[in-house]
Amino acid sequence: MNVGARIRDLRIARDLGSRNLARRVGASQSHISRVEHGHQTPSLGMIERIADVLGVTPHDLLADDLSPFVAADPWLADLVPLIPALTVTQREQVLGVLRDL
């Protein structure tokens, strides 16, 4: 299942309309629709806001989409689950360190 389908399923399970979700995450309803139908990839910031509204972690939304990458590199299997617990600043610092290597 892709991230858009997972967002749609969770939104519906929480009896939340796409217009309401869009308003709460600061996006247009058409943007949410494009994400849910797989026509647009949401930014990490958007995934974080959607996850917050839906009461899940960003990892919960992305888990299946990341699994091919994690399976290809065992190091990622240790790293990926740690990311949701990091603050935005910490994530930016980790990304900066990785880019500098």
C-alpha atoms as a PDB file:
ATOM      1  CA  MET A   1       0.000   0.000   0.000  1.00  0.00           C
ATOM      2  CA  ASN A   2       1.376   3.436  -0.861  1.00  0.00           C
ATOM      3  CA  VAL A   3       1.426   6.459   1.413  1.00  0.00           C
ATOM      4  CA  GLY A   4      -1.571   8.098  -0.303  1.00  0.00           C
ATOM      5  CA  ALA A   5      -3.774   5.043   0.100  1.00  0.00           C
ATOM      6  CA  ARG A   6      -2.685   4.731   3.726  1.00  0.00           C
ATOM      7  CA  ILE A   7      -3.576   8.382   4.357  1.00  0.00           C
ATOM      8  CA  ARG A   8      -6.987   7.897   2.723  1.00  0.00           C
ATOM      9  CA  ASP A   9      -7.718   4.731   4.724  1.00  0.00           C
ATOM     10  CA  LEU A  10      -6.735   6.346   8.024  1.00  0.00           C
ATOM     11  CA  ARG A  11      -8.675   9.515   7.219  1.00  0.00           C
ATOM     12  CA  ILE A  12     -11.816   7.523   6.443  1.00  0.00           C
ATOM     13  CA  ALA A  13     -11.356   5.294   9.509  1.00  0.00           C
ATOM     14  CA  ARG A  14     -11.304   8.461  11.621  1.00  0.00           C
ATOM     15  CA  ASP A  15     -14.415   9.800   9.891  1.00  0.00           C
ATOM     16  CA  LEU A  16     -12.460  12.804   8.668  1.00  0.00           C
ATOM     17  CA  GLY A  17     -13.366  14.423   5.365  1.00  0.00           C
ATOM     18  CA  SER A  18     -10.656  15.367   2.893  1.00  0.00           C
ATOM     19  CA  ARG A  19     -11.655  19.039   3.156  1.00  0.00           C
ATOM     20  CA  ASN A  20     -11.263  18.928   6.947  1.00  0.00           C
ATOM     21  CA  LEU A  21      -7.902  17.153   6.723  1.00  0.00           C
ATOM     22  CA  ALA A  22      -6.710  19.674   4.140  1.00  0.00           C
ATOM     23  CA  ARG A  23      -7.733  22.594   6.349  1.00  0.00           C
ATOM     24  CA  ARG A  24      -6.030  21.119   9.404  1.00  0.00           C
ATOM     25  CA  VAL A  25      -2.713  20.494   7.613  1.00  0.00           C
ATOM     26  CA  GLY A  26      -2.703  23.767   5.669  1.00  0.00           C
ATOM     27  CA  ALA A  27      -3.207  22.314   2.200  1.00  0.00           C
ATOM     28  CA  SER A  28      -5.864  22.483  -0.471  1.00  0.00           C
ATOM     29  CA  GLN A  29      -8.419  19.721  -0.801  1.00  0.00           C
ATOM     30  CA  SER A  30      -7.187  19.070  -4.345  1.00  0.00           C
ATOM     31  CA  HIS A  31      -3.637  18.584  -3.030  1.00  0.00           C
ATOM     32  CA  ILE A  32      -4.858  16.008  -0.497  1.00  0.00           C
ATOM     33  CA  SER A  33      -6.840  14.279  -3.245  1.00  0.00           C
ATOM     34  CA  ARG A  34      -3.775  14.120  -5.533  1.00  0.00           C
ATOM     35  CA  VAL A  35      -1.702  12.672  -2.674  1.00  0.00           C
ATOM     36  CA  GLU A  36      -4.356  10.092  -1.768  1.00  0.00           C
ATOM     37  CA  HIS A  37      -4.674   8.969  -5.388  1.00  0.00           C
ATOM     38  CA  GLY A  38      -0.913   8.715  -5.878  1.00  0.00           C
ATOM     39  CA  HIS A  39      -0.665  11.580  -8.351  1.00  0.00           C
ATOM     40  CA  GLN A  40       1.523  13.700  -6.092  1.00  0.00           C
ATOM     41  CA  THR A  41       4.164  12.850  -3.511  1.00  0.00           C
ATOM     42  CA  PRO A  42       3.759  14.768  -0.249  1.00  0.00           C
ATOM     43  CA  SER A  43       6.729  16.557   1.269  1.00  0.00           C
ATOM     44  CA  LEU A  44       8.158  15.274   4.530  1.00  0.00           C
ATOM     45  CA  GLY A  45       6.673  18.304   6.279  1.00  0.00           C
ATOM     46  CA  MET A  46       3.242  17.494   4.853  1.00  0.00           C
ATOM     47  CA  ILE A  47       3.594  13.855   5.927  1.00  0.00           C
ATOM     48  CA  GLU A  48       4.464  15.018   9.441  1.00  0.00           C
ATOM     49  CA  ARG A  49       1.424  17.319   9.600  1.00  0.00           C
ATOM     50  CA  ILE A  50      -0.910  14.658   8.204  1.00  0.00           C
ATOM     51  CA  ALA A  51       0.462  12.049  10.616  1.00  0.00           C
ATOM     52  CA  ASP A  52      -0.109  14.432  13.524  1.00  0.00           C
ATOM     53  CA  VAL A  53      -3.740  15.058  12.528  1.00  0.00           C
ATOM     54  CA  LEU A  54      -4.354  11.334  11.989  1.00  0.00           C
ATOM     55  CA  GLY A  55      -2.737  10.418  15.312  1.00  0.00           C
ATOM     56  CA  VAL A  56       0.047   8.279  13.848  1.00  0.00           C
ATOM     57  CA  THR A  57       3.770   8.719  13.270  1.00  0.00           C
ATOM     58  CA  PRO A  58       5.286   9.634   9.905  1.00  0.00           C
ATOM     59  CA  HIS A  59       6.928   6.210   9.976  1.00  0.00           C
ATOM     60  CA  ASP A  60       3.459   4.636  10.170  1.00  0.00           C
ATOM     61  CA  LEU A  61       2.536   6.405   6.935  1.00  0.00           C
ATOM     62  CA  LEU A  62       5.804   5.603   5.155  1.00  0.00           C
ATOM     63  CA  ALA A  63       6.701   2.143   6.460  1.00  0.00           C
ATOM     64  CA  ASP A  64       5.699   0.110   3.397  1.00  0.00           C
ATOM     65  CA  ASP A  65       7.074   2.690   0.976  1.00  0.00           C
ATOM     66  CA  LEU A  66      10.473   2.510   2.688  1.00  0.00           C
ATOM     67  CA  SER A  67      10.616  -1.277   3.018  1.00  0.00           C
ATOM     68  CA  PRO A  68      12.419  -1.967  -0.310  1.00  0.00           C
ATOM     69  CA  PHE A  69      15.188   0.457   0.703  1.00  0.00           C
ATOM     70  CA  VAL A  70      15.427  -0.921   4.224  1.00  0.00           C
ATOM     71  CA  ALA A  71      15.541  -4.504   2.939  1.00  0.00           C
ATOM     72  CA  ALA A  72      18.362  -3.582   0.544  1.00  0.00           C
ATOM     73  CA  ASP A  73      20.526  -2.119   3.324  1.00  0.00           C
ATOM     74  CA  PRO A  74      20.387  -3.570   6.855  1.00  0.00           C
ATOM     75  CA  TRP A  75      21.937  -0.363   8.240  1.00  0.00           C
ATOM     76  CA  LEU A  76      18.757   1.462   7.230  1.00  0.00           C
ATOM     77  CA  ALA A  77      16.684  -1.053   9.188  1.00  0.00           C
ATOM     78  CA  ASP A  78      18.347   0.288  12.334  1.00  0.00           C
ATOM     79  CA  LEU A  79      18.185   3.940  11.275  1.00  0.00           C
ATOM     80  CA  VAL A  80      14.672   4.373   9.848  1.00  0.00           C
ATOM     81  CA  PRO A  81      12.719   3.512  13.034  1.00  0.00           C
ATOM     82  CA  LEU A  82      14.696   6.163  14.949  1.00  0.00           C
ATOM     83  CA  ILE A  83      13.731   9.041  12.655  1.00  0.00           C
ATOM     84  CA  PRO A  84      10.166   9.681  13.922  1.00  0.00           C
ATOM     85  CA  ALA A  85      11.489  10.328  17.432  1.00  0.00           C
ATOM     86  CA  LEU A  86      13.821  13.098  16.227  1.00  0.00           C
ATOM     87  CA  THR A  87      12.841  16.739  16.230  1.00  0.00           C
ATOM     88  CA  VAL A  88      12.917  18.638  12.963  1.00  0.00           C
ATOM     89  CA  THR A  89      16.163  20.310  14.052  1.00  0.00           C
ATOM     90  CA  GLN A  90      17.736  16.949  14.885  1.00  0.00           C
ATOM     91  CA  ARG A  91      16.667  15.541  11.513  1.00  0.00           C
ATOM     92  CA  GLU A  92      18.241  18.500   9.740  1.00  0.00           C
ATOM     93  CA  GLN A  93      21.454  17.996  11.724  1.00  0.00           C
ATOM     94  CA  VAL A  94      21.586  14.287  10.890  1.00  0.00           C
ATOM     95  CA  LEU A  95      20.953  15.049   7.233  1.00  0.00           C
ATOM     96  CA  GLY A  96      23.682  17.698   7.274  1.00  0.00           C
ATOM     97  CA  VAL A  97      26.195  15.278   8.806  1.00  0.00           C
ATOM     98  CA  LEU A  98      25.328  12.589   6.252  1.00  0.00           C
ATOM     99  CA  ARG A  99      25.688  15.026   3.363  1.00  0.00           C
ATOM    100  CA  ASP A 100      29.065  16.195   4.685  1.00  0.00           C
ATOM    101  CA  LEU A 101      30.493  12.662   4.776  1.00  0.00           C
END
